[in-house]
Amino acid sequence: MRKGQQIVNKEVDYPDNLELVSTTDKRGVITYANQAFSDVSGFSIEELTGKNHNLVRHPDMPKAAFKDLWDCLEKGQAWRGAVKNLCKDGRYYWVDAYVTPL
């Protein structure tokens, strides 16, 4: 989340079959985002690439969820959970996140 970001309590809906895909390096910096991820988040691919994935972290998400995610990845394990993400315009969207180390 960016400092000064306005939060809007409005959910962004998108089709259930739409796959939002991103990859990051070991520091959480986005190295790839597909067009669906860009479209739903409201950020261009250029705005996402090279930025920390925290850019789309909604402040309602507990830090413990991300600690668990990173703990699993460091052990070479996959992680799955519901994640509330923040759009560029302050709205939010939910993802059924599946994260796996590459």
Protein backbone atom coordinates (compact mmCIF):
# COMPACT_ATOMS: atom_id res chain seq x y z
CA MET A 1 0.00 0.00 0.00
CA ARG A 2 1.20 3.47 -0.86
CA LYS A 3 1.36 6.22 1.75
CA GLY A 4 -1.62 8.52 1.49
CA GLN A 5 -3.59 5.88 -0.46
CA GLN A 6 -7.32 6.44 -0.23
CA ILE A 7 -9.28 3.32 0.74
CA VAL A 8 -12.69 2.86 -0.87
CA ASN A 9 -15.02 0.26 0.61
CA LYS A 10 -16.14 -1.09 -2.76
CA GLU A 11 -15.31 -4.54 -4.08
CA VAL A 12 -14.19 -5.12 -7.65
CA ASP A 13 -15.86 -8.16 -9.16
CA TYR A 14 -14.27 -10.19 -11.91
CA PRO A 15 -15.11 -13.54 -13.55
CA ASP A 16 -14.37 -16.64 -11.47
CA ASN A 17 -12.41 -18.18 -14.33
CA LEU A 18 -10.06 -15.19 -14.68
CA GLU A 19 -6.55 -16.11 -13.51
CA LEU A 20 -4.53 -13.30 -11.98
CA VAL A 21 -0.87 -14.27 -12.20
CA SER A 22 2.22 -12.61 -10.84
CA THR A 23 5.73 -13.71 -9.96
CA THR A 24 8.15 -12.09 -7.55
CA ASP A 25 11.74 -12.46 -6.56
CA LYS A 26 12.75 -13.57 -3.07
CA ARG A 27 12.30 -10.02 -1.78
CA GLY A 28 8.70 -9.79 -3.01
CA VAL A 29 9.48 -7.55 -5.99
CA ILE A 30 7.15 -8.23 -8.92
CA THR A 31 9.01 -9.68 -11.89
CA TYR A 32 5.92 -10.54 -13.96
CA ALA A 33 2.21 -9.73 -13.95
CA ASN A 34 -0.29 -10.90 -16.54
CA GLN A 35 -2.84 -8.63 -18.20
CA ALA A 36 -5.68 -9.92 -16.00
CA PHE A 37 -3.75 -8.95 -12.85
CA SER A 38 -3.16 -5.52 -14.35
CA ASP A 39 -6.78 -5.08 -15.42
CA VAL A 40 -8.30 -6.03 -12.06
CA SER A 41 -5.78 -4.13 -9.91
CA GLY A 42 -5.94 -1.01 -12.07
CA PHE A 43 -2.15 -0.79 -12.29
CA SER A 44 -0.45 -1.04 -15.65
CA ILE A 45 2.02 -3.87 -16.10
CA GLU A 46 4.77 -1.24 -16.14
CA GLU A 47 3.56 0.17 -12.80
CA LEU A 48 3.61 -3.31 -11.26
CA THR A 49 6.88 -4.68 -12.62
CA GLY A 50 9.84 -3.87 -10.41
CA LYS A 51 7.63 -2.81 -7.48
CA ASN A 52 7.14 -4.70 -4.23
CA HIS A 53 4.00 -6.84 -4.17
CA ASN A 54 3.00 -4.84 -1.08
CA LEU A 55 1.77 -2.28 -3.62
CA VAL A 56 -1.50 -4.23 -3.75
CA ARG A 57 -1.63 -5.25 -0.08
CA HIS A 58 -4.86 -4.12 1.52
CA PRO A 59 -4.46 -2.78 5.08
CA ASP A 60 -7.21 -5.14 6.28
CA MET A 61 -4.93 -8.13 5.65
CA PRO A 62 -3.28 -9.36 8.84
CA LYS A 63 0.51 -9.33 8.80
CA ALA A 64 0.44 -12.85 10.25
CA ALA A 65 -0.99 -14.19 6.98
CA PHE A 66 2.02 -12.92 5.04
CA LYS A 67 4.43 -14.15 7.69
CA ASP A 68 2.89 -17.61 7.29
CA LEU A 69 3.16 -17.31 3.50
CA TRP A 70 6.86 -16.41 3.61
CA ASP A 71 7.59 -19.06 6.26
CA CYS A 72 6.09 -21.71 3.95
CA LEU A 73 8.02 -20.46 0.93
CA GLU A 74 11.31 -20.43 2.85
CA LYS A 75 10.70 -24.11 3.68
CA GLY A 76 10.10 -24.85 0.00
CA GLN A 77 6.37 -25.34 0.58
CA ALA A 78 3.39 -23.90 -1.28
CA TRP A 79 0.83 -21.66 0.44
CA ARG A 80 -2.84 -21.08 -0.27
CA GLY A 81 -5.23 -18.58 1.25
CA ALA A 82 -7.77 -15.84 0.68
CA VAL A 83 -6.11 -12.46 0.14
CA LYS A 84 -7.76 -9.05 0.01
CA ASN A 85 -5.84 -6.86 -2.44
CA LEU A 86 -5.96 -3.12 -2.98
CA CYS A 87 -6.66 -1.57 -6.37
CA LYS A 88 -4.89 1.53 -7.61
CA ASP A 89 -8.09 3.55 -7.12
CA GLY A 90 -8.54 2.37 -3.51
CA ARG A 91 -11.18 -0.29 -4.12
CA TYR A 92 -10.42 -3.91 -3.25
CA TYR A 93 -10.65 -7.39 -4.71
CA TRP A 94 -10.31 -10.87 -3.28
CA VAL A 95 -8.09 -13.61 -4.65
CA ASP A 96 -7.84 -17.28 -3.81
CA ALA A 97 -4.07 -17.10 -3.78
CA TYR A 98 -1.89 -20.09 -4.51
CA VAL A 99 1.78 -19.26 -3.98
CA THR A 100 4.58 -21.66 -4.75
CA PRO A 101 8.35 -21.28 -4.74
CA LEU A 102 10.00 -21.57 -8.14
